[in-house]
């Protein structure tokens, strides 16, 4: 072999190879999208739907992100086929696409969002992918995503039975909420969570933006556009709501390397 491939002894083993890592990501993405395409028709995600979350990526990139985020939750949040999953701020169903071939009875998935158009699209195009899927619209006010919403933050009550959820996910949700809103959602997630279940949520860490405050509203004229929190402030809110962190925070940094440079910080918590 040495005569055919000079220096072969110095080549990286497969699990250390960048090419191997990218190939594995491709295979994972294909494994998710191919069965969906074969069984139900790969949902085309229109640009106007993708724009609802200010993330107008290509359809292919949407599926890539879906499987990547699913892998992330399996690694850090104990996601399993039998998990009863609550996805608050589900948007057009990114996580649901990743779970379509994973969740099976007695597992289930409920996606909730304040954008009526997104929920209408997921009910028509994503819910049929799995019999355990359902989507619910809540008309909650938010200065960025639903300014005319009828339900104020202090009136939030998730339409979920107490103690019935194994995993509650808030991905890029608290990044667009003021402190009092975050606290209300944390209280509700504590209510619906079973003992030992997981609440996984992301937030913008103030230090990432060079801000040392415990809490800051980035754009005062549109307060729900972006908010920043320190770890100390997040821990204080968790304590008020009967939750506590499990392990270290995770810096979620993109579809090819979730342990690399970060943009949002994920906290994994339980009660």
Protein backbone atom coordinates (compact mmCIF):
# COMPACT_ATOMS: atom_id res chain seq x y z
CA UNK A 1 0.00 0.00 0.00
CA UNK A 2 2.84 2.39 0.79
CA UNK A 3 4.11 2.03 -2.78
CA UNK A 4 0.69 2.85 -4.20
CA UNK A 5 -0.21 5.64 -1.76
CA UNK A 6 2.98 7.28 -0.50
CA UNK A 7 2.58 8.58 3.02
CA UNK A 8 -0.58 6.60 3.66
CA UNK A 9 0.46 5.98 7.28
CA UNK A 10 0.19 9.73 7.94
CA UNK A 11 -3.32 10.14 6.50
CA UNK A 12 -6.05 11.00 9.02
CA UNK A 13 -8.34 8.22 10.15
CA UNK A 14 -11.87 8.58 8.72
CA UNK A 15 -13.47 10.12 11.79
CA UNK A 16 -10.89 12.90 11.76
CA UNK A 17 -11.22 13.67 8.06
CA UNK A 18 -13.04 16.82 6.95
CA UNK A 19 -14.13 15.05 3.76
CA UNK A 20 -15.55 12.17 5.77
CA UNK A 21 -17.45 14.58 8.03
CA UNK A 22 -19.02 16.43 5.09
CA UNK A 23 -19.89 13.12 3.40
CA UNK A 24 -21.57 11.93 6.61
CA UNK A 25 -23.64 15.13 6.72
CA UNK A 26 -24.70 14.55 3.10
CA UNK A 27 -25.74 10.96 3.86
CA UNK A 28 -27.74 12.05 6.89
CA UNK A 29 -29.58 14.67 4.84
CA UNK A 30 -30.30 12.22 2.04
CA UNK A 31 -31.56 9.65 4.56
CA UNK A 32 -34.18 12.13 5.77
CA UNK A 33 -35.31 13.63 2.49
CA UNK A 34 -35.37 10.50 0.30
CA UNK A 35 -37.97 8.51 2.31
CA UNK A 36 -40.18 11.60 2.61
CA UNK A 37 -39.98 12.15 -1.13
CA UNK A 38 -40.76 8.52 -1.90
CA UNK A 39 -43.72 8.22 0.47
CA UNK A 40 -45.45 11.57 0.40
CA UNK A 41 -43.80 13.94 -2.03
CA UNK A 42 -41.04 16.20 -0.77
CA UNK A 43 -42.83 19.36 0.43
CA UNK A 44 -41.79 22.37 -1.60
CA UNK A 45 -41.21 25.20 0.86
CA UNK A 46 -42.18 28.43 -0.93
CA UNK A 47 -39.94 31.43 -0.45
CA UNK A 48 -42.76 33.46 1.10
CA UNK A 49 -43.16 30.76 3.78
CA UNK A 50 -39.42 30.57 4.43
CA UNK A 51 -39.36 34.37 4.69
CA UNK A 52 -41.72 34.24 7.66
CA UNK A 53 -38.75 33.32 9.85
CA UNK A 54 -36.38 35.75 8.11
CA UNK A 55 -34.40 32.74 6.88
CA UNK A 56 -35.07 32.44 3.17
CA UNK A 57 -32.65 29.56 2.57
CA UNK A 58 -32.94 27.13 -0.32
CA UNK A 59 -35.27 24.17 0.11
CA UNK A 60 -32.26 21.85 0.21
CA UNK A 61 -30.69 23.90 2.97
CA UNK A 62 -33.93 23.73 4.95
CA UNK A 63 -33.76 19.93 4.95
CA UNK A 64 -30.08 20.00 5.82
CA UNK A 65 -30.80 22.23 8.82
CA UNK A 66 -33.71 19.97 9.81
CA UNK A 67 -31.61 16.82 10.12
CA UNK A 68 -28.76 18.71 11.74
CA UNK A 69 -31.01 20.16 14.44
CA UNK A 70 -32.57 16.74 15.01
CA UNK A 71 -29.08 15.29 15.57
CA UNK A 72 -28.33 18.12 17.96
CA UNK A 73 -31.41 17.36 20.08
CA UNK A 74 -30.64 13.64 20.07
CA UNK A 75 -27.14 14.39 21.36
CA UNK A 76 -27.99 17.00 23.99
CA UNK A 77 -31.69 16.79 24.85
CA UNK A 78 -32.44 13.05 25.00
CA UNK A 79 -34.65 13.12 21.89
CA UNK A 80 -35.96 9.60 21.12
CA UNK A 81 -38.53 8.02 18.78
CA UNK A 82 -41.01 7.73 21.69
CA UNK A 83 -40.52 11.35 22.86
CA UNK A 84 -43.56 13.57 23.23
CA UNK A 85 -42.18 16.77 21.69
CA UNK A 86 -43.51 20.31 22.01
CA UNK A 87 -41.99 22.77 19.53
CA UNK A 88 -42.88 26.35 20.47
CA UNK A 89 -42.13 28.78 17.66
CA UNK A 90 -42.16 25.97 15.10
CA UNK A 91 -42.43 28.36 12.15
CA UNK A 92 -42.82 26.47 8.88
CA UNK A 93 -41.87 23.18 10.52
CA UNK A 94 -38.09 22.89 10.32
CA UNK A 95 -37.79 20.57 13.33
CA UNK A 96 -40.87 18.62 12.25
CA UNK A 97 -39.21 17.80 8.93
CA UNK A 98 -36.27 16.34 10.82
CA UNK A 99 -38.58 14.30 13.06
CA UNK A 100 -40.87 12.99 10.31
CA UNK A 101 -39.12 9.62 10.11
CA UNK A 102 -38.08 9.47 13.76
CA UNK A 103 -41.17 9.96 15.94
CA UNK A 104 -43.32 6.87 16.38
CA UNK A 105 -45.96 5.75 18.87
CA UNK A 106 -46.26 6.50 21.71
CA UNK A 107 -44.22 9.56 20.69
CA UNK A 108 -45.84 12.67 19.29
CA UNK A 109 -45.06 16.17 18.06
CA UNK A 110 -47.02 19.41 18.58
CA UNK A 111 -45.82 22.55 16.81
CA UNK A 112 -47.07 25.95 18.00
CA UNK A 113 -46.53 29.32 16.35
CA UNK A 114 -47.96 32.83 16.45
CA UNK A 115 -47.80 33.24 12.65
CA UNK A 116 -51.08 32.10 11.16
CA UNK A 117 -49.67 31.67 7.63
CA UNK A 118 -46.89 29.36 8.84
CA UNK A 119 -49.30 27.13 10.77
CA UNK A 120 -51.73 26.94 7.84
CA UNK A 121 -48.88 25.76 5.61
CA UNK A 122 -47.58 23.17 8.09
CA UNK A 123 -51.06 21.78 8.70
CA UNK A 124 -51.45 21.18 4.97
CA UNK A 125 -47.93 20.11 4.02
CA UNK A 126 -46.07 18.82 7.08
CA UNK A 127 -48.72 17.26 9.34
CA UNK A 128 -49.43 14.47 6.77
CA UNK A 129 -45.81 13.29 7.03
CA UNK A 130 -46.43 11.62 10.39
CA UNK A 131 -49.71 10.57 12.08
CA UNK A 132 -48.37 11.81 15.42
CA UNK A 133 -47.93 15.39 14.17
CA UNK A 134 -50.20 18.36 14.90
CA UNK A 135 -49.86 22.14 14.59
CA UNK A 136 -51.61 24.90 16.56
CA UNK A 137 -51.85 28.65 16.01
CA UNK A 138 -51.81 30.93 19.07
CA UNK A 139 -52.60 34.59 18.38
CA UNK A 140 -50.03 35.97 20.86
CA UNK A 141 -48.84 39.55 20.43
CA UNK A 142 -45.21 40.11 19.45
CA UNK A 143 -43.84 43.38 18.09
CA UNK A 144 -41.79 41.57 15.44
CA UNK A 145 -43.85 38.59 14.29
CA UNK A 146 -47.46 39.30 15.27
CA UNK A 147 -47.95 42.94 16.23
CA UNK A 148 -51.77 42.71 16.11
CA UNK A 149 -51.97 39.56 18.21
CA UNK A 150 -54.98 39.35 20.51
CA UNK A 151 -53.30 37.54 23.44
CA UNK A 152 -50.90 39.54 25.65
CA UNK A 153 -47.81 37.80 27.02
CA UNK A 154 -49.29 37.51 30.51
CA UNK A 155 -52.27 35.65 29.05
CA UNK A 156 -50.17 32.88 27.53
CA UNK A 157 -51.32 29.36 28.31
CA UNK A 158 -50.04 26.57 26.13
CA UNK A 159 -52.85 24.24 24.95
CA UNK A 160 -51.04 21.23 26.39
CA UNK A 161 -51.93 18.99 29.34
CA UNK A 162 -49.81 19.44 32.46
CA UNK A 163 -46.97 16.93 32.88
CA UNK A 164 -47.41 15.46 29.40
CA UNK A 165 -44.27 16.62 27.54
CA UNK A 166 -40.91 14.84 27.38
CA UNK A 167 -39.09 17.54 25.39
CA UNK A 168 -40.08 21.18 24.94
CA UNK A 169 -38.06 23.11 22.36
CA UNK A 170 -37.79 26.90 21.98
CA UNK A 171 -35.35 27.40 19.10
CA UNK A 172 -34.66 31.05 18.27
CA UNK A 173 -37.74 32.07 20.26
CA UNK A 174 -36.39 33.73 23.41
CA UNK A 175 -34.03 35.62 21.11
CA UNK A 176 -37.10 37.66 20.11
CA UNK A 177 -38.83 38.12 23.47
CA UNK A 178 -38.58 40.50 26.36
CA UNK A 179 -37.70 39.23 29.79
CA UNK A 180 -41.25 39.13 31.15
CA UNK A 181 -42.38 37.11 28.12
CA UNK A 182 -39.53 34.63 28.51
CA UNK A 183 -40.45 34.15 32.15
CA UNK A 184 -44.08 33.42 31.27
CA UNK A 185 -43.09 30.81 28.66
CA UNK A 186 -40.68 29.18 31.09
CA UNK A 187 -43.45 28.91 33.68
CA UNK A 188 -45.73 27.30 31.10
CA UNK A 189 -43.02 24.91 29.94
CA UNK A 190 -42.43 23.86 33.55
CA UNK A 191 -46.16 23.16 33.88
CA UNK A 192 -46.46 20.97 30.78
CA UNK A 193 -43.15 19.12 31.33
CA UNK A 194 -43.12 15.70 32.96
CA UNK A 195 -40.74 15.24 35.87
CA UNK A 196 -37.33 14.52 34.38
CA UNK A 197 -38.29 15.93 30.98
CA UNK A 198 -36.18 18.47 29.11
CA UNK A 199 -36.72 22.08 28.09
CA UNK A 200 -34.18 23.13 25.44
CA UNK A 201 -34.06 26.78 24.44
CA UNK A 202 -31.70 29.19 22.75
CA UNK A 203 -30.96 32.81 23.54
CA UNK A 204 -28.56 35.54 22.49
CA UNK A 205 -25.76 35.72 25.03
CA UNK A 206 -24.95 39.34 25.82
CA UNK A 207 -21.19 38.73 25.75
CA UNK A 208 -21.36 37.63 22.12
CA UNK A 209 -22.40 41.19 21.25
CA UNK A 210 -19.82 42.81 23.54
CA UNK A 211 -22.49 43.69 26.10
CA UNK A 212 -21.94 43.03 29.80
CA UNK A 213 -25.52 43.68 30.91
CA UNK A 214 -27.64 40.93 32.41
CA UNK A 215 -30.46 41.91 30.07
CA UNK A 216 -30.72 44.28 27.13
CA UNK A 217 -33.25 45.16 24.42
CA UNK A 218 -31.20 45.63 21.27
CA UNK A 219 -33.74 47.70 19.32
CA UNK A 220 -35.97 49.79 21.65
CA UNK A 221 -38.30 50.82 18.81
CA UNK A 222 -39.03 47.13 18.11
CA UNK A 223 -38.31 45.42 21.44
CA UNK A 224 -39.08 41.87 20.31
CA UNK A 225 -36.63 42.08 17.41
CA UNK A 226 -33.64 41.04 19.52
CA UNK A 227 -32.97 40.65 23.23
CA UNK A 228 -29.76 39.73 25.04
CA UNK A 229 -29.28 37.85 28.32
CA UNK A 230 -26.37 36.91 30.52
CA UNK A 231 -26.05 33.37 31.84
CA UNK A 232 -26.64 34.73 35.33
CA UNK A 233 -29.96 36.28 34.30
CA UNK A 234 -31.09 33.10 32.55
CA UNK A 235 -30.27 31.11 35.68
CA UNK A 236 -32.29 33.59 37.77
CA UNK A 237 -35.34 33.17 35.51
CA UNK A 238 -35.02 29.39 35.59
CA UNK A 239 -34.96 29.43 39.38
CA UNK A 240 -38.10 31.58 39.50
CA UNK A 241 -39.89 29.10 37.24
CA UNK A 242 -38.89 25.84 38.91
CA UNK A 243 -36.35 24.73 36.30
CA UNK A 244 -32.62 24.12 36.53
CA UNK A 245 -29.86 23.61 33.95
CA UNK A 246 -28.49 20.20 33.02
CA UNK A 247 -24.81 20.20 32.10
CA UNK A 248 -23.07 23.02 30.26
CA UNK A 249 -24.54 25.43 27.77
CA UNK A 250 -24.03 24.59 24.12
CA UNK A 251 -23.05 27.14 21.50
CA UNK A 252 -25.03 26.20 18.39
CA UNK A 253 -23.07 27.39 15.42
CA UNK A 254 -24.46 26.23 12.09
CA UNK A 255 -25.46 23.26 9.98
CA UNK A 256 -22.02 21.66 9.59
CA UNK A 257 -20.52 22.11 13.02
CA UNK A 258 -22.74 22.66 16.03
CA UNK A 259 -19.77 22.77 18.40
CA UNK A 260 -17.96 25.47 16.45
CA UNK A 261 -18.28 29.26 16.35
CA UNK A 262 -21.68 30.16 17.71
CA UNK A 263 -24.48 32.58 17.17
CA UNK A 264 -27.09 31.34 19.64
CA UNK A 265 -26.52 29.70 22.99
CA UNK A 266 -28.60 26.66 23.93
CA UNK A 267 -29.54 25.90 27.53
CA UNK A 268 -30.73 22.40 28.39
CA UNK A 269 -32.93 22.35 31.51
CA UNK A 270 -35.25 20.12 33.51
CA UNK A 271 -37.48 20.17 36.59
